[in-house]
């Protein structure tokens, strides 16, 4: 039985764009100054190109898209190049928290600055490194439904001897994220909905092979 948000297939992906989309307004002045303001949440946007996959890959993608019923149902997606921080591309096997115990990527606690763009993650291994483009995910459930928020490191960070990692992130963490959410560095994803007018599987050839395009936007809810 499929539950939503559901996992996204991975086969046949040729390329992917995964970037935050800032919605804002800019106001230039006669004096040459430019003023800007953010309007609403900054949401992650994804686009992917699918190769002319084999029959099984095409069938899986067609079934996946059908299951979403356009944009009615949700799925989980993230940056396919960073399932873990770059320095730990194979995962966190063998790492231990500074306070003891195996490390699986989940922080034991987290705290934010006033602007919500610097996060302190506790319960990390001493000396754990994050680099440009690594991700922090926040995960929680509401009414039994999975929720996710996602941010990307914009500068390198190194955990202290006590296992606290302070990292600057973008976009700032949404107020929709509850304090009970778990901050996690493993397999970071967010909840997304398909943009149906930009997503399609191409025509099948004689070998039942076809390429396609998948375009989606984050669905961020408390």
Protein backbone atom coordinates (compact mmCIF):
# COMPACT_ATOMS: atom_id res chain seq x y z
CA UNK A 1 0.00 0.00 0.00
CA UNK A 2 1.36 3.40 -1.00
CA UNK A 3 1.47 6.14 1.62
CA UNK A 4 1.99 9.82 0.89
CA UNK A 5 4.27 11.63 0.68
CA UNK A 6 5.76 8.71 -1.22
CA UNK A 7 9.33 7.98 -2.29
CA UNK A 8 10.41 9.14 -5.75
CA UNK A 9 11.98 6.74 -8.27
CA UNK A 10 15.68 7.30 -8.95
CA UNK A 11 16.32 5.34 -12.14
CA UNK A 12 17.01 7.13 -15.40
CA UNK A 13 17.75 10.61 -14.02
CA UNK A 14 20.24 12.40 -16.31
CA UNK A 15 20.39 15.78 -14.59
CA UNK A 16 18.68 17.71 -11.81
CA UNK A 17 18.25 21.28 -10.64
CA UNK A 18 17.38 21.65 -6.95
CA UNK A 19 17.37 25.25 -5.72
CA UNK A 20 15.45 27.52 -3.33
CA UNK A 21 13.08 29.90 -5.07
CA UNK A 22 12.88 33.29 -3.37
CA UNK A 23 9.66 35.23 -3.91
CA UNK A 24 10.22 38.93 -3.36
CA UNK A 25 9.89 42.47 -4.61
CA UNK A 26 12.60 44.87 -5.77
CA UNK A 27 12.29 48.66 -5.86
CA UNK A 28 14.97 50.72 -7.62
CA UNK A 29 15.27 54.43 -6.82
CA UNK A 30 16.37 57.40 -8.91
CA UNK A 31 19.45 57.62 -6.73
CA UNK A 32 20.64 54.20 -7.85
CA UNK A 33 19.76 52.31 -4.70
CA UNK A 34 17.89 49.03 -4.87
CA UNK A 35 15.58 47.92 -2.08
CA UNK A 36 14.15 44.42 -1.81
CA UNK A 37 11.92 42.41 0.48
CA UNK A 38 10.99 38.75 0.66
CA UNK A 39 7.29 38.00 0.24
CA UNK A 40 6.15 34.69 1.69
CA UNK A 41 8.06 31.46 2.16
CA UNK A 42 11.15 30.56 0.18
CA UNK A 43 10.39 27.15 -1.29
CA UNK A 44 12.57 24.52 -2.96
CA UNK A 45 12.06 23.99 -6.68
CA UNK A 46 13.20 20.91 -8.59
CA UNK A 47 13.48 20.00 -12.24
CA UNK A 48 14.87 16.74 -13.61
CA UNK A 49 15.57 15.34 -17.03
CA UNK A 50 15.00 11.63 -17.57
CA UNK A 51 16.97 9.67 -20.16
CA UNK A 52 15.45 7.32 -22.72
CA UNK A 53 15.27 4.62 -20.07
CA UNK A 54 14.55 0.95 -20.47
CA UNK A 55 11.02 -0.41 -20.35
CA UNK A 56 11.07 -1.03 -16.60
CA UNK A 57 12.31 2.49 -15.77
CA UNK A 58 9.70 4.10 -17.99
CA UNK A 59 6.94 1.96 -16.51
CA UNK A 60 8.00 2.91 -12.98
CA UNK A 61 8.00 6.64 -13.74
CA UNK A 62 4.63 6.45 -15.50
CA UNK A 63 3.15 4.62 -12.52
CA UNK A 64 4.70 7.15 -10.13
CA UNK A 65 3.21 10.11 -12.00
CA UNK A 66 -0.17 8.42 -12.22
CA UNK A 67 -0.16 7.82 -8.46
CA UNK A 68 0.28 11.54 -7.79
CA UNK A 69 -2.96 12.40 -9.62
CA UNK A 70 -1.44 15.55 -11.01
CA UNK A 71 -0.57 17.77 -8.07
CA UNK A 72 -3.12 16.26 -5.67
CA UNK A 73 -0.66 13.96 -3.88
CA UNK A 74 2.79 14.57 -2.48
CA UNK A 75 6.20 12.92 -2.67
CA UNK A 76 9.64 13.22 -1.08
CA UNK A 77 12.59 14.56 -3.05
CA UNK A 78 15.98 16.10 -2.44
CA UNK A 79 19.31 16.89 -4.08
CA UNK A 80 20.39 13.58 -5.63
CA UNK A 81 24.06 14.61 -5.43
CA UNK A 82 23.96 15.01 -1.62
CA UNK A 83 22.24 12.13 0.19
CA UNK A 84 24.86 12.78 2.89
CA UNK A 85 27.34 15.61 3.48
CA UNK A 86 30.09 15.57 0.87
CA UNK A 87 32.77 14.62 3.41
CA UNK A 88 30.72 11.53 4.36
CA UNK A 89 29.40 10.50 0.96
CA UNK A 90 28.98 6.86 2.03
CA UNK A 91 27.11 7.72 5.22
CA UNK A 92 27.99 7.97 8.91
CA UNK A 93 28.96 4.36 9.61
CA UNK A 94 31.59 4.12 12.35
CA UNK A 95 31.07 7.68 13.66
CA UNK A 96 30.21 8.25 17.32
CA UNK A 97 28.62 11.23 19.04
CA UNK A 98 30.87 13.37 21.20
CA UNK A 99 28.82 12.31 24.23
CA UNK A 100 28.88 8.63 23.27
CA UNK A 101 26.71 6.43 21.12
CA UNK A 102 26.55 5.73 17.40
CA UNK A 103 25.80 8.67 15.11
CA UNK A 104 23.11 8.24 12.45
CA UNK A 105 22.83 11.86 11.27
CA UNK A 106 20.11 13.01 13.67
CA UNK A 107 20.92 15.83 16.10
CA UNK A 108 19.96 15.39 19.75
CA UNK A 109 18.85 19.03 19.81
CA UNK A 110 18.95 22.26 17.83
CA UNK A 111 18.67 26.01 18.32
CA UNK A 112 18.42 29.02 16.00
CA UNK A 113 19.56 32.63 16.04
CA UNK A 114 17.00 35.43 15.87
CA UNK A 115 17.09 35.55 12.05
CA UNK A 116 16.64 31.77 11.85
CA UNK A 117 19.57 31.44 9.44
CA UNK A 118 22.22 30.05 11.82
CA UNK A 119 21.54 26.74 13.53
CA UNK A 120 23.38 24.99 16.38
CA UNK A 121 23.13 21.22 16.08
CA UNK A 122 24.01 19.26 19.21
CA UNK A 123 24.88 15.59 19.57
CA UNK A 124 27.31 15.57 16.66
CA UNK A 125 30.64 13.71 16.44
CA UNK A 126 33.55 15.92 17.49
CA UNK A 127 35.10 17.44 14.39
CA UNK A 128 32.21 16.59 12.07
CA UNK A 129 32.49 18.70 8.93
CA UNK A 130 29.86 20.33 6.76
CA UNK A 131 30.79 22.07 3.54
CA UNK A 132 29.23 24.33 0.96
CA UNK A 133 26.02 22.79 -0.33
CA UNK A 134 25.47 20.21 2.41
CA UNK A 135 21.94 20.00 3.79
CA UNK A 136 20.11 19.99 7.10
CA UNK A 137 16.62 18.47 7.14
CA UNK A 138 13.96 18.91 9.81
CA UNK A 139 11.42 16.09 10.03
CA UNK A 140 8.22 15.73 12.04
CA UNK A 141 4.69 14.41 11.67
CA UNK A 142 1.34 16.15 11.93
CA UNK A 143 -1.74 13.98 12.21
CA UNK A 144 0.34 11.00 11.16
CA UNK A 145 1.50 12.72 7.95
CA UNK A 146 5.21 13.24 7.31
CA UNK A 147 6.43 16.83 7.18
CA UNK A 148 9.84 18.10 6.10
CA UNK A 149 11.82 21.34 5.94
CA UNK A 150 15.19 21.75 4.28
CA UNK A 151 18.09 24.19 4.35
CA UNK A 152 21.53 24.26 2.75
CA UNK A 153 24.86 25.19 4.33
CA UNK A 154 26.36 28.35 2.81
CA UNK A 155 29.73 28.14 4.58
CA UNK A 156 31.91 25.36 5.98
CA UNK A 157 31.33 24.33 9.58
CA UNK A 158 33.17 22.14 12.08
CA UNK A 159 31.66 20.54 15.18
CA UNK A 160 33.25 21.41 18.52
CA UNK A 161 34.88 18.91 20.83
CA UNK A 162 31.56 18.80 22.68
CA UNK A 163 29.65 17.90 19.51
CA UNK A 164 27.97 21.23 18.71
CA UNK A 165 27.90 22.21 15.04
CA UNK A 166 27.09 25.85 14.20
CA UNK A 167 26.20 26.34 10.55
CA UNK A 168 24.84 29.20 8.44
CA UNK A 169 21.91 28.09 6.29
CA UNK A 170 19.67 29.26 3.47
CA UNK A 171 16.80 29.61 3.28
CA UNK A 172 16.10 30.63 6.88
CA UNK A 173 14.11 28.00 8.73
CA UNK A 174 10.37 28.47 8.36
CA UNK A 175 8.20 29.28 11.36
CA UNK A 176 6.10 26.30 10.27
CA UNK A 177 8.73 23.97 11.76
CA UNK A 178 7.84 22.99 15.34
CA UNK A 179 10.42 22.89 18.09
CA UNK A 180 9.82 19.16 18.42
CA UNK A 181 11.10 18.48 14.87
CA UNK A 182 14.27 16.41 14.53
CA UNK A 183 17.19 17.99 12.69
CA UNK A 184 18.92 15.40 10.52
CA UNK A 185 21.88 15.30 8.12
CA UNK A 186 21.03 11.90 6.59
CA UNK A 187 19.10 11.67 3.31
CA UNK A 188 17.73 15.24 3.40
CA UNK A 189 14.46 15.67 1.55
CA UNK A 190 11.39 17.87 1.47
CA UNK A 191 7.76 17.26 0.59
CA UNK A 192 6.96 18.27 -2.99
CA UNK A 193 4.05 18.49 -5.42
CA UNK A 194 4.25 18.00 -9.15
CA UNK A 195 3.87 20.95 -11.51
CA UNK A 196 1.75 19.16 -14.08
CA UNK A 197 1.99 21.73 -16.87
CA UNK A 198 5.78 21.28 -16.96
CA UNK A 199 6.11 17.54 -16.28
CA UNK A 200 5.69 14.78 -18.84
CA UNK A 201 6.95 11.45 -20.12
CA UNK A 202 7.71 11.56 -23.85
CA UNK A 203 6.45 9.33 -26.62
CA UNK A 204 7.40 5.67 -26.39
CA UNK A 205 9.56 4.27 -29.17
CA UNK A 206 9.42 0.75 -30.57
CA UNK A 207 11.49 -0.51 -27.61
CA UNK A 208 9.09 1.07 -25.08
CA UNK A 209 11.77 3.61 -24.19
CA UNK A 210 11.09 7.28 -23.50
CA UNK A 211 12.64 10.29 -21.82
CA UNK A 212 10.85 12.90 -19.79
CA UNK A 213 10.88 15.94 -17.53
CA UNK A 214 9.82 16.16 -13.89
CA UNK A 215 9.20 19.59 -12.34
CA UNK A 216 8.00 20.10 -8.78
CA UNK A 217 7.80 22.61 -5.93
CA UNK A 218 8.04 22.18 -2.18
CA UNK A 219 4.81 21.78 -0.22
CA UNK A 220 5.66 23.25 3.20
CA UNK A 221 3.05 22.88 5.94
CA UNK A 222 3.10 22.92 9.76
